[in-house]
């Protein structure tokens, strides 16, 4: 079992060395590390070449023009040769033995096409928390949806059978490209192996996509979530509770888009007050469900308007 590790690189000279140290120290017997320099204006490309000169597992691709994260990942996918593929962003890093332990788990469960392992989200900030997908169990796409895996549909923190990518690539020109890609790829997986081994550090950096919202970025995120809402409603039999949970997630993105001056785009989904009151949920989600029941179709606009007033 061989592994291709794809690392898109752009303007990350402050973080790249540490990221590559954590990758190269992984004890994976058969792997290739593909560094895709996306025409970086700083020393990132030079650092890639320096690492390739001292580690024979590293291959470097220098893109002639800057195409963005999706294009860089796609360039890595086009030349990857491993049986499995994983992605690591060059301003993030992984804990020791993360890849070794999870590849061993995949070796023991060859029926799974994807493995998902823990991630520390917003690492380096007060918002930091650890998301753990589960403890060494295999689930299908419906199970992934029911545990709200779509909230963490990152390309990173997963290892994929390479054949899954035959008909999939990341959308060039879109922000939040993971949301447009990963759920549909997981739908084709024969099994999703939830692992409690290792840890991916998803770092929150100044100026990163996750920390610099614009109306275009939030529109892309809302559109991707809306497409997924329509897709899941057709593909998966969900309980009313699960459907409500996903719709409230869709509402969260709609509210932020409205705050930034966007339009109301999502369809109406009714949550009866009785169901909202009697369904057990985390406190914050419970309050949202009750407010949605009371306010109906005005819920998103009301919350967005209130937040605008509070910020003034």
C-alpha atoms as a PDB file:
ATOM      1  CA  UNK A   1       0.000   0.000   0.000  1.00  0.00           C
ATOM      2  CA  UNK A   2       1.595   3.234  -1.186  1.00  0.00           C
ATOM      3  CA  UNK A   3       0.626   6.781  -0.223  1.00  0.00           C
ATOM      4  CA  UNK A   4       0.829  10.050  -2.162  1.00  0.00           C
ATOM      5  CA  UNK A   5       0.936  13.152   0.044  1.00  0.00           C
ATOM      6  CA  UNK A   6      -0.080  16.287  -1.891  1.00  0.00           C
ATOM      7  CA  UNK A   7       1.030  19.633  -0.466  1.00  0.00           C
ATOM      8  CA  UNK A   8      -0.077  22.820  -2.285  1.00  0.00           C
ATOM      9  CA  UNK A   9       2.410  25.616  -1.630  1.00  0.00           C
ATOM     10  CA  UNK A  10       1.846  29.354  -1.929  1.00  0.00           C
ATOM     11  CA  UNK A  11       3.408  32.231   0.027  1.00  0.00           C
ATOM     12  CA  UNK A  12       4.122  30.112   3.124  1.00  0.00           C
ATOM     13  CA  UNK A  13       7.866  30.503   3.685  1.00  0.00           C
ATOM     14  CA  UNK A  14       7.211  31.171   7.413  1.00  0.00           C
ATOM     15  CA  UNK A  15       5.497  27.814   7.903  1.00  0.00           C
ATOM     16  CA  UNK A  16       6.690  25.477   5.156  1.00  0.00           C
ATOM     17  CA  UNK A  17       9.805  24.095   6.862  1.00  0.00           C
ATOM     18  CA  UNK A  18       7.889  23.032   9.961  1.00  0.00           C
ATOM     19  CA  UNK A  19       5.076  21.524   7.898  1.00  0.00           C
ATOM     20  CA  UNK A  20       7.546  19.435   5.864  1.00  0.00           C
ATOM     21  CA  UNK A  21       9.419  18.332   8.988  1.00  0.00           C
ATOM     22  CA  UNK A  22       6.223  16.861  10.412  1.00  0.00           C
ATOM     23  CA  UNK A  23       5.531  15.095   7.098  1.00  0.00           C
ATOM     24  CA  UNK A  24       9.013  13.719   6.514  1.00  0.00           C
ATOM     25  CA  UNK A  25       9.213  12.380  10.072  1.00  0.00           C
ATOM     26  CA  UNK A  26       6.153  10.200   9.488  1.00  0.00           C
ATOM     27  CA  UNK A  27       7.189   6.558   9.433  1.00  0.00           C
ATOM     28  CA  UNK A  28       5.370   5.505   6.271  1.00  0.00           C
ATOM     29  CA  UNK A  29       7.276   2.821   4.379  1.00  0.00           C
ATOM     30  CA  UNK A  30       6.146   3.621   0.831  1.00  0.00           C
ATOM     31  CA  UNK A  31       5.154   7.171   0.075  1.00  0.00           C
ATOM     32  CA  UNK A  32       5.750  10.058  -2.276  1.00  0.00           C
ATOM     33  CA  UNK A  33       5.483  13.696  -1.210  1.00  0.00           C
ATOM     34  CA  UNK A  34       4.293  15.988  -4.003  1.00  0.00           C
ATOM     35  CA  UNK A  35       4.967  19.686  -3.401  1.00  0.00           C
ATOM     36  CA  UNK A  36       3.058  21.930  -5.810  1.00  0.00           C
ATOM     37  CA  UNK A  37       4.587  25.404  -5.890  1.00  0.00           C
ATOM     38  CA  UNK A  38       1.725  27.570  -7.148  1.00  0.00           C
ATOM     39  CA  UNK A  39       4.015  30.282  -8.546  1.00  0.00           C
ATOM     40  CA  UNK A  40       4.700  31.585  -5.053  1.00  0.00           C
ATOM     41  CA  UNK A  41       6.174  35.125  -4.886  1.00  0.00           C
ATOM     42  CA  UNK A  42       8.256  34.409  -1.759  1.00  0.00           C
ATOM     43  CA  UNK A  43      10.973  31.782  -1.109  1.00  0.00           C
ATOM     44  CA  UNK A  44       8.500  28.913  -0.873  1.00  0.00           C
ATOM     45  CA  UNK A  45       9.530  27.449  -4.255  1.00  0.00           C
ATOM     46  CA  UNK A  46      13.209  27.538  -3.295  1.00  0.00           C
ATOM     47  CA  UNK A  47      12.438  25.832   0.020  1.00  0.00           C
ATOM     48  CA  UNK A  48      10.605  23.084  -1.888  1.00  0.00           C
ATOM     49  CA  UNK A  49      13.665  22.464  -4.074  1.00  0.00           C
ATOM     50  CA  UNK A  50      15.961  22.403  -1.032  1.00  0.00           C
ATOM     51  CA  UNK A  51      13.832  19.743   0.618  1.00  0.00           C
ATOM     52  CA  UNK A  52      13.676  17.682  -2.590  1.00  0.00           C
ATOM     53  CA  UNK A  53      17.475  17.739  -2.803  1.00  0.00           C
ATOM     54  CA  UNK A  54      17.801  16.043   0.587  1.00  0.00           C
ATOM     55  CA  UNK A  55      14.783  13.702   0.594  1.00  0.00           C
ATOM     56  CA  UNK A  56      14.285  11.360  -2.353  1.00  0.00           C
ATOM     57  CA  UNK A  57      10.587  10.893  -1.592  1.00  0.00           C
ATOM     58  CA  UNK A  58       9.834  14.503  -2.528  1.00  0.00           C
ATOM     59  CA  UNK A  59       8.754  15.608  -6.015  1.00  0.00           C
ATOM     60  CA  UNK A  60       8.312  19.294  -6.818  1.00  0.00           C
ATOM     61  CA  UNK A  61       5.947  20.788  -9.379  1.00  0.00           C
ATOM     62  CA  UNK A  62       6.486  24.462 -10.211  1.00  0.00           C
ATOM     63  CA  UNK A  63       3.307  25.909 -11.744  1.00  0.00           C
ATOM     64  CA  UNK A  64       3.986  28.560 -14.441  1.00  0.00           C
ATOM     65  CA  UNK A  65       1.151  30.773 -13.154  1.00  0.00           C
ATOM     66  CA  UNK A  66      -0.793  31.095  -9.921  1.00  0.00           C
ATOM     67  CA  UNK A  67      -3.973  29.043 -10.265  1.00  0.00           C
ATOM     68  CA  UNK A  68      -5.114  28.890  -6.648  1.00  0.00           C
ATOM     69  CA  UNK A  69      -5.510  26.076  -4.153  1.00  0.00           C
ATOM     70  CA  UNK A  70      -7.840  23.956  -6.303  1.00  0.00           C
ATOM     71  CA  UNK A  71      -5.549  24.093  -9.335  1.00  0.00           C
ATOM     72  CA  UNK A  72      -2.510  23.217  -7.200  1.00  0.00           C
ATOM     73  CA  UNK A  73      -4.218  20.206  -5.639  1.00  0.00           C
ATOM     74  CA  UNK A  74      -5.447  19.094  -9.068  1.00  0.00           C
ATOM     75  CA  UNK A  75      -1.889  19.305 -10.413  1.00  0.00           C
ATOM     76  CA  UNK A  76      -0.796  16.981  -7.612  1.00  0.00           C
ATOM     77  CA  UNK A  77      -3.660  14.588  -8.312  1.00  0.00           C
ATOM     78  CA  UNK A  78      -2.700  14.437 -11.987  1.00  0.00           C
ATOM     79  CA  UNK A  79       0.738  12.978 -11.234  1.00  0.00           C
ATOM     80  CA  UNK A  80       0.085  11.023  -8.019  1.00  0.00           C
ATOM     81  CA  UNK A  81       0.908   7.315  -8.240  1.00  0.00           C
ATOM     82  CA  UNK A  82       0.067   6.031  -4.753  1.00  0.00           C
ATOM     83  CA  UNK A  83      -2.663   3.543  -3.954  1.00  0.00           C
ATOM     84  CA  UNK A  84      -3.952   6.163  -1.511  1.00  0.00           C
ATOM     85  CA  UNK A  85      -3.903   9.954  -1.449  1.00  0.00           C
ATOM     86  CA  UNK A  86      -3.932  12.517   1.323  1.00  0.00           C
ATOM     87  CA  UNK A  87      -3.681  16.315   1.383  1.00  0.00           C
ATOM     88  CA  UNK A  88      -1.779  18.522   3.802  1.00  0.00           C
ATOM     89  CA  UNK A  89      -1.902  22.294   3.472  1.00  0.00           C
ATOM     90  CA  UNK A  90       1.518  23.904   3.746  1.00  0.00           C
ATOM     91  CA  UNK A  91       0.654  26.191   6.651  1.00  0.00           C
ATOM     92  CA  UNK A  92      -0.735  23.262   8.678  1.00  0.00           C
ATOM     93  CA  UNK A  93       1.004  20.228  10.177  1.00  0.00           C
ATOM     94  CA  UNK A  94       0.374  16.736  11.551  1.00  0.00           C
ATOM     95  CA  UNK A  95       1.216  14.984  14.803  1.00  0.00           C
ATOM     96  CA  UNK A  96       3.926  12.258  14.932  1.00  0.00           C
ATOM     97  CA  UNK A  97       2.911   8.817  13.605  1.00  0.00           C
ATOM     98  CA  UNK A  98      -0.414  10.130  12.245  1.00  0.00           C
ATOM     99  CA  UNK A  99       0.029   8.691   8.757  1.00  0.00           C
ATOM    100  CA  UNK A 100       1.748   5.491   9.869  1.00  0.00           C
ATOM    101  CA  UNK A 101      -0.994   4.562  12.339  1.00  0.00           C
ATOM    102  CA  UNK A 102      -3.802   5.361   9.935  1.00  0.00           C
ATOM    103  CA  UNK A 103      -2.232   3.530   7.016  1.00  0.00           C
ATOM    104  CA  UNK A 104      -1.910   0.496   9.294  1.00  0.00           C
ATOM    105  CA  UNK A 105      -5.591   0.837  10.148  1.00  0.00           C
ATOM    106  CA  UNK A 106      -6.479   1.000   6.453  1.00  0.00           C
ATOM    107  CA  UNK A 107      -4.355  -2.078   5.829  1.00  0.00           C
ATOM    108  CA  UNK A 108      -6.491  -3.912   8.393  1.00  0.00           C
ATOM    109  CA  UNK A 109      -9.724  -2.615   6.810  1.00  0.00           C
ATOM    110  CA  UNK A 110      -9.180  -2.765   3.074  1.00  0.00           C
ATOM    111  CA  UNK A 111     -12.930  -2.668   2.491  1.00  0.00           C
ATOM    112  CA  UNK A 112     -12.893   1.057   3.354  1.00  0.00           C
ATOM    113  CA  UNK A 113     -12.209   3.555   0.564  1.00  0.00           C
ATOM    114  CA  UNK A 114     -11.704   6.569   2.868  1.00  0.00           C
ATOM    115  CA  UNK A 115     -10.277   7.068   6.339  1.00  0.00           C
ATOM    116  CA  UNK A 116     -11.101  10.175   8.390  1.00  0.00           C
ATOM    117  CA  UNK A 117      -8.972  11.027  11.441  1.00  0.00           C
ATOM    118  CA  UNK A 118      -9.066  13.708  14.190  1.00  0.00           C
ATOM    119  CA  UNK A 119      -8.393  17.367  13.455  1.00  0.00           C
ATOM    120  CA  UNK A 120      -7.657  20.336  15.691  1.00  0.00           C
ATOM    121  CA  UNK A 121      -9.743  23.108  14.109  1.00  0.00           C
ATOM    122  CA  UNK A 122      -8.674  26.784  14.339  1.00  0.00           C
ATOM    123  CA  UNK A 123      -5.453  25.690  16.030  1.00  0.00           C
ATOM    124  CA  UNK A 124      -3.607  28.631  17.543  1.00  0.00           C
ATOM    125  CA  UNK A 125      -6.719  30.629  18.478  1.00  0.00           C
ATOM    126  CA  UNK A 126      -9.193  30.765  21.359  1.00  0.00           C
ATOM    127  CA  UNK A 127     -11.742  29.099  19.048  1.00  0.00           C
ATOM    128  CA  UNK A 128      -9.629  25.945  18.861  1.00  0.00           C
ATOM    129  CA  UNK A 129     -11.357  22.592  19.346  1.00  0.00           C
ATOM    130  CA  UNK A 130     -10.756  18.962  18.425  1.00  0.00           C
ATOM    131  CA  UNK A 131     -13.092  17.117  16.109  1.00  0.00           C
ATOM    132  CA  UNK A 132     -13.006  13.341  16.425  1.00  0.00           C
ATOM    133  CA  UNK A 133     -14.977  11.450  13.759  1.00  0.00           C
ATOM    134  CA  UNK A 134     -15.227   8.229  15.757  1.00  0.00           C
ATOM    135  CA  UNK A 135     -13.409   5.215  17.092  1.00  0.00           C
ATOM    136  CA  UNK A 136     -12.303   2.745  14.439  1.00  0.00           C
ATOM    137  CA  UNK A 137     -15.663   1.973  12.856  1.00  0.00           C
ATOM    138  CA  UNK A 138     -16.797   1.865   9.236  1.00  0.00           C
ATOM    139  CA  UNK A 139     -19.849   3.816   8.109  1.00  0.00           C
ATOM    140  CA  UNK A 140     -21.567   4.636   4.830  1.00  0.00           C
ATOM    141  CA  UNK A 141     -22.387   8.064   3.395  1.00  0.00           C
ATOM    142  CA  UNK A 142     -25.712   8.189   5.242  1.00  0.00           C
ATOM    143  CA  UNK A 143     -23.904   7.588   8.519  1.00  0.00           C
ATOM    144  CA  UNK A 144     -21.463  10.391   7.700  1.00  0.00           C
ATOM    145  CA  UNK A 145     -24.385  12.750   7.058  1.00  0.00           C
ATOM    146  CA  UNK A 146     -26.219  11.731  10.227  1.00  0.00           C
ATOM    147  CA  UNK A 147     -23.204  12.519  12.401  1.00  0.00           C
ATOM    148  CA  UNK A 148     -22.983  15.910  10.626  1.00  0.00           C
ATOM    149  CA  UNK A 149     -19.732  15.068   8.867  1.00  0.00           C
ATOM    150  CA  UNK A 150     -20.600  17.763   6.296  1.00  0.00           C
ATOM    151  CA  UNK A 151     -19.722  20.418   8.900  1.00  0.00           C
ATOM    152  CA  UNK A 152     -16.131  19.121   8.707  1.00  0.00           C
ATOM    153  CA  UNK A 153     -15.927  18.135   5.042  1.00  0.00           C
ATOM    154  CA  UNK A 154     -12.247  19.095   4.831  1.00  0.00           C
ATOM    155  CA  UNK A 155     -10.038  17.635   2.119  1.00  0.00           C
ATOM    156  CA  UNK A 156      -7.297  17.277   4.732  1.00  0.00           C
ATOM    157  CA  UNK A 157      -7.575  14.883   7.739  1.00  0.00           C
ATOM    158  CA  UNK A 158      -8.640  12.124   5.331  1.00  0.00           C
ATOM    159  CA  UNK A 159      -6.873   9.398   3.354  1.00  0.00           C
ATOM    160  CA  UNK A 160      -8.560   8.333   0.096  1.00  0.00           C
ATOM    161  CA  UNK A 161      -8.244   5.397  -2.244  1.00  0.00           C
ATOM    162  CA  UNK A 162      -6.795   7.045  -5.371  1.00  0.00           C
ATOM    163  CA  UNK A 163      -9.362   5.465  -7.686  1.00  0.00           C
ATOM    164  CA  UNK A 164     -12.067   7.632  -6.065  1.00  0.00           C
ATOM    165  CA  UNK A 165     -10.480  10.684  -7.690  1.00  0.00           C
ATOM    166  CA  UNK A 166     -10.792   9.323 -11.224  1.00  0.00           C
ATOM    167  CA  UNK A 167     -13.861  11.477 -11.935  1.00  0.00           C
ATOM    168  CA  UNK A 168     -13.333  14.218  -9.356  1.00  0.00           C
ATOM    169  CA  UNK A 169     -11.264  17.394  -9.195  1.00  0.00           C
ATOM    170  CA  UNK A 170     -11.462  20.554  -7.097  1.00  0.00           C
ATOM    171  CA  UNK A 171     -13.357  23.464  -8.725  1.00  0.00           C
ATOM    172  CA  UNK A 172     -10.933  26.141  -9.903  1.00  0.00           C
ATOM    173  CA  UNK A 173     -12.050  29.668  -9.079  1.00  0.00           C
ATOM    174  CA  UNK A 174     -14.240  28.683  -6.119  1.00  0.00           C
ATOM    175  CA  UNK A 175     -13.594  29.405  -2.455  1.00  0.00           C
ATOM    176  CA  UNK A 176     -14.317  26.643   0.083  1.00  0.00           C
ATOM    177  CA  UNK A 177     -13.520  24.124  -2.636  1.00  0.00           C
ATOM    178  CA  UNK A 178     -13.647  21.245  -0.151  1.00  0.00           C
ATOM    179  CA  UNK A 179     -17.401  21.694   0.318  1.00  0.00           C
ATOM    180  CA  UNK A 180     -17.930  21.441  -3.449  1.00  0.00           C
ATOM    181  CA  UNK A 181     -15.897  18.252  -3.712  1.00  0.00           C
ATOM    182  CA  UNK A 182     -15.495  16.017  -0.680  1.00  0.00           C
ATOM    183  CA  UNK A 183     -19.153  15.077   0.081  1.00  0.00           C
ATOM    184  CA  UNK A 184     -19.727  13.886  -3.509  1.00  0.00           C
ATOM    185  CA  UNK A 185     -16.545  11.850  -3.472  1.00  0.00           C
ATOM    186  CA  UNK A 186     -17.534  10.275  -0.136  1.00  0.00           C
ATOM    187  CA  UNK A 187     -20.916   9.365  -1.646  1.00  0.00           C
ATOM    188  CA  UNK A 188     -19.043   7.024  -3.991  1.00  0.00           C
ATOM    189  CA  UNK A 189     -16.933   5.443  -1.235  1.00  0.00           C
ATOM    190  CA  UNK A 190     -17.783   1.852  -0.289  1.00  0.00           C
ATOM    191  CA  UNK A 191     -16.877   2.591   3.321  1.00  0.00           C
ATOM    192  CA  UNK A 192     -15.693   5.518   5.447  1.00  0.00           C
ATOM    193  CA  UNK A 193     -13.378   4.379   8.227  1.00  0.00           C
ATOM    194  CA  UNK A 194     -13.590   6.650  11.287  1.00  0.00           C
ATOM    195  CA  UNK A 195     -10.263   6.705  13.114  1.00  0.00           C
ATOM    196  CA  UNK A 196      -9.219   8.028  16.509  1.00  0.00           C
ATOM    197  CA  UNK A 197      -5.513   7.832  15.623  1.00  0.00           C
ATOM    198  CA  UNK A 198      -3.279  10.816  14.916  1.00  0.00           C
ATOM    199  CA  UNK A 199      -4.106  14.495  14.657  1.00  0.00           C
ATOM    200  CA  UNK A 200      -4.200  17.101  11.884  1.00  0.00           C
ATOM    201  CA  UNK A 201      -3.506  20.669  13.025  1.00  0.00           C
ATOM    202  CA  UNK A 202      -5.711  22.968  10.950  1.00  0.00           C
ATOM    203  CA  UNK A 203      -4.025  26.267  11.774  1.00  0.00           C
ATOM    204  CA  UNK A 204      -5.839  29.586  11.770  1.00  0.00           C
ATOM    205  CA  UNK A 205      -3.529  32.161  10.170  1.00  0.00           C
ATOM    206  CA  UNK A 206      -3.970  35.871   9.615  1.00  0.00           C
ATOM    207  CA  UNK A 207      -5.219  36.463   6.072  1.00  0.00           C
ATOM    208  CA  UNK A 208      -6.251  32.849   5.492  1.00  0.00           C
ATOM    209  CA  UNK A 209      -9.531  32.016   3.718  1.00  0.00           C
ATOM    210  CA  UNK A 210     -11.200  31.015   6.971  1.00  0.00           C
ATOM    211  CA  UNK A 211     -10.207  34.288   8.647  1.00  0.00           C
ATOM    212  CA  UNK A 212     -10.989  36.783   5.889  1.00  0.00           C
ATOM    213  CA  UNK A 213     -14.638  36.624   4.875  1.00  0.00           C
ATOM    214  CA  UNK A 214     -15.864  38.510   1.832  1.00  0.00           C
ATOM    215  CA  UNK A 215     -19.262  38.439   0.182  1.00  0.00           C
ATOM    216  CA  UNK A 216     -17.843  36.328  -2.693  1.00  0.00           C
ATOM    217  CA  UNK A 217     -16.317  33.771  -0.320  1.00  0.00           C
ATOM    218  CA  UNK A 218     -19.466  33.527   1.773  1.00  0.00           C
ATOM    219  CA  UNK A 219     -21.604  33.206  -1.355  1.00  0.00           C
ATOM    220  CA  UNK A 220     -19.443  30.273  -2.503  1.00  0.00           C
ATOM    221  CA  UNK A 221     -19.816  28.628   0.908  1.00  0.00           C
ATOM    222  CA  UNK A 222     -23.584  29.155   0.956  1.00  0.00           C
ATOM    223  CA  UNK A 223     -23.985  27.864  -2.600  1.00  0.00           C
ATOM    224  CA  UNK A 224     -21.954  24.746  -1.829  1.00  0.00           C
ATOM    225  CA  UNK A 225     -24.031  24.050   1.291  1.00  0.00           C
ATOM    226  CA  UNK A 226     -27.261  24.666  -0.614  1.00  0.00           C
ATOM    227  CA  UNK A 227     -26.199  22.235  -3.362  1.00  0.00           C
ATOM    228  CA  UNK A 228     -25.336  19.658  -0.715  1.00  0.00           C
ATOM    229  CA  UNK A 229     -28.716  20.180   1.014  1.00  0.00           C
ATOM    230  CA  UNK A 230     -30.506  19.437  -2.277  1.00  0.00           C
ATOM    231  CA  UNK A 231     -28.224  16.478  -3.017  1.00  0.00           C
ATOM    232  CA  UNK A 232     -28.622  14.857   0.400  1.00  0.00           C
ATOM    233  CA  UNK A 233     -32.391  15.306   0.368  1.00  0.00           C
ATOM    234  CA  UNK A 234     -32.465  13.204  -2.811  1.00  0.00           C
ATOM    235  CA  UNK A 235     -29.824  10.642  -1.854  1.00  0.00           C
ATOM    236  CA  UNK A 236     -30.264   9.939   1.866  1.00  0.00           C
ATOM    237  CA  UNK A 237     -33.260   8.946   3.991  1.00  0.00           C
ATOM    238  CA  UNK A 238     -33.004  11.321   6.950  1.00  0.00           C
ATOM    239  CA  UNK A 239     -35.011  11.585  10.137  1.00  0.00           C
ATOM    240  CA  UNK A 240     -36.784  14.895  10.743  1.00  0.00           C
ATOM    241  CA  UNK A 241     -34.194  15.705  13.421  1.00  0.00           C
ATOM    242  CA  UNK A 242     -31.274  15.119  11.033  1.00  0.00           C
ATOM    243  CA  UNK A 243     -32.984  17.175   8.336  1.00  0.00           C
ATOM    244  CA  UNK A 244     -33.585  20.015  10.807  1.00  0.00           C
ATOM    245  CA  UNK A 245     -29.936  19.916  11.907  1.00  0.00           C
ATOM    246  CA  UNK A 246     -28.671  20.248   8.364  1.00  0.00           C
ATOM    247  CA  UNK A 247     -31.113  23.026   7.563  1.00  0.00           C
ATOM    248  CA  UNK A 248     -29.986  25.018  10.624  1.00  0.00           C
ATOM    249  CA  UNK A 249     -26.395  24.678   9.374  1.00  0.00           C
ATOM    250  CA  UNK A 250     -27.583  26.046   6.021  1.00  0.00           C
ATOM    251  CA  UNK A 251     -29.268  28.914   7.902  1.00  0.00           C
ATOM    252  CA  UNK A 252     -25.965  29.768   9.630  1.00  0.00           C
ATOM    253  CA  UNK A 253     -24.286  30.351   6.268  1.00  0.00           C
ATOM    254  CA  UNK A 254     -27.302  32.287   4.942  1.00  0.00           C
ATOM    255  CA  UNK A 255     -27.230  34.611   7.967  1.00  0.00           C
ATOM    256  CA  UNK A 256     -23.551  35.496   7.465  1.00  0.00           C
ATOM    257  CA  UNK A 257     -24.177  36.076   3.741  1.00  0.00           C
ATOM    258  CA  UNK A 258     -27.053  38.435   4.580  1.00  0.00           C
ATOM    259  CA  UNK A 259     -24.835  40.287   7.062  1.00  0.00           C
ATOM    260  CA  UNK A 260     -22.352  40.947   4.270  1.00  0.00           C
ATOM    261  CA  UNK A 261     -25.085  42.290   1.979  1.00  0.00           C
ATOM    262  CA  UNK A 262     -26.037  39.144   0.112  1.00  0.00           C
ATOM    263  CA  UNK A 263     -29.465  37.887  -0.975  1.00  0.00           C
ATOM    264  CA  UNK A 264     -31.734  35.321   0.629  1.00  0.00           C
ATOM    265  CA  UNK A 265     -31.060  32.117  -1.324  1.00  0.00           C
ATOM    266  CA  UNK A 266     -32.176  29.130   0.712  1.00  0.00           C
ATOM    267  CA  UNK A 267     -35.583  27.420   0.470  1.00  0.00           C
ATOM    268  CA  UNK A 268     -38.006  27.356   3.382  1.00  0.00           C
ATOM    269  CA  UNK A 269     -38.000  24.301   5.648  1.00  0.00           C
ATOM    270  CA  UNK A 270     -40.529  24.258   8.473  1.00  0.00           C
ATOM    271  CA  UNK A 271     -39.546  23.083  11.935  1.00  0.00           C
ATOM    272  CA  UNK A 272     -42.782  22.658  13.936  1.00  0.00           C
ATOM    273  CA  UNK A 273     -42.577  24.204  17.403  1.00  0.00           C
ATOM    274  CA  UNK A 274     -43.516  20.932  19.088  1.00  0.00           C
ATOM    275  CA  UNK A 275     -40.657  19.108  17.342  1.00  0.00           C
ATOM    276  CA  UNK A 276     -38.248  21.916  18.161  1.00  0.00           C
ATOM    277  CA  UNK A 277     -39.211  21.875  21.838  1.00  0.00           C
ATOM    278  CA  UNK A 278     -39.258  18.105  22.328  1.00  0.00           C
ATOM    279  CA  UNK A 279     -36.166  17.085  20.321  1.00  0.00           C
ATOM    280  CA  UNK A 280     -32.968  16.723  22.327  1.00  0.00           C
ATOM    281  CA  UNK A 281     -30.162  18.869  20.926  1.00  0.00           C
ATOM    282  CA  UNK A 282     -27.096  20.744  22.169  1.00  0.00           C
ATOM    283  CA  UNK A 283     -28.231  23.959  23.885  1.00  0.00           C
ATOM    284  CA  UNK A 284     -27.165  26.338  21.107  1.00  0.00           C
ATOM    285  CA  UNK A 285     -28.827  24.238  18.401  1.00  0.00           C
ATOM    286  CA  UNK A 286     -31.926  23.835  20.558  1.00  0.00           C
ATOM    287  CA  UNK A 287     -32.319  27.617  20.844  1.00  0.00           C
ATOM    288  CA  UNK A 288     -31.861  28.029  17.079  1.00  0.00           C
ATOM    289  CA  UNK A 289     -34.486  25.380  16.333  1.00  0.00           C
ATOM    290  CA  UNK A 290     -37.030  27.044  18.638  1.00  0.00           C
ATOM    291  CA  UNK A 291     -36.340  30.496  17.169  1.00  0.00           C
ATOM    292  CA  UNK A 292     -36.671  29.121  13.633  1.00  0.00           C
ATOM    293  CA  UNK A 293     -40.023  27.576  14.577  1.00  0.00           C
ATOM    294  CA  UNK A 294     -41.296  30.850  15.984  1.00  0.00           C
ATOM    295  CA  UNK A 295     -39.935  33.187  13.288  1.00  0.00           C
ATOM    296  CA  UNK A 296     -40.465  30.940  10.265  1.00  0.00           C
ATOM    297  CA  UNK A 297     -39.133  32.276   6.957  1.00  0.00           C
ATOM    298  CA  UNK A 298     -38.070  35.550   8.634  1.00  0.00           C
ATOM    299  CA  UNK A 299     -35.564  33.788  10.901  1.00  0.00           C
ATOM    300  CA  UNK A 300     -32.360  34.363   8.870  1.00  0.00           C
ATOM    301  CA  UNK A 301     -33.126  38.012   8.083  1.00  0.00           C
ATOM    302  CA  UNK A 302     -34.060  38.725  11.689  1.00  0.00           C
ATOM    303  CA  UNK A 303     -30.830  37.226  13.096  1.00  0.00           C
ATOM    304  CA  UNK A 304     -28.682  38.938  10.432  1.00  0.00           C
ATOM    305  CA  UNK A 305     -30.334  42.286  11.169  1.00  0.00           C
ATOM    306  CA  UNK A 306     -29.866  41.874  14.919  1.00  0.00           C
ATOM    307  CA  UNK A 307     -26.160  41.079  14.486  1.00  0.00           C
ATOM    308  CA  UNK A 308     -25.677  44.157  12.300  1.00  0.00           C
ATOM    309  CA  UNK A 309     -27.225  46.374  14.985  1.00  0.00           C
ATOM    310  CA  UNK A 310     -25.115  44.801  17.752  1.00  0.00           C
ATOM    311  CA  UNK A 311     -21.899  45.424  15.768  1.00  0.00           C
ATOM    312  CA  UNK A 312     -22.609  49.155  15.458  1.00  0.00           C
END
